Amino acid sequence: EVFRPTHEINRIQLVGDEDLREMMPWEKVEEHRQRALSPMHPCQRGTAQSPDVFMQLVESSNKHYQAVNAIFEKALLDFAHITGRKYRPFEYHYFGSTMPSIAIVTMGSSVEVVKET
């Protein structure tokens, strides 16, 4: 779809820097910066390991990936609290039967077209 993005004029409501700063966990940013590589505090990372140890480390990182959805949804709620704009990772709209025989998955400006038809 090219016409709508290239021909439609809307006013954009920018989110202020102060609002964004309010959402930022500055203590976590500083912790991240302290872990950076530096000649002032050298450390050793990434030594050789056997495949079984590697897989144990991969599995131990899964909890971080599994937490992403909750963190993202909380960030969207915080954003809505500060700006008044509500966003969700996914929106479900049912039209007609709650047991449909077909489903339409869409994103962007086509969402409004599907809602209207």
Foldseek 3Di string as FASTA:
>chain_A
DPCCVVPDDDDDDDDDPVLVVVLDPVVVVVVVVVPDDDPVDHDDDDDDDDPVVVVVVVVVCVVVVVCVQVVVQVSQVSSCVSPVDHDHPDDDDDDDDPDDPDDDDDDDPVVVVVVVD
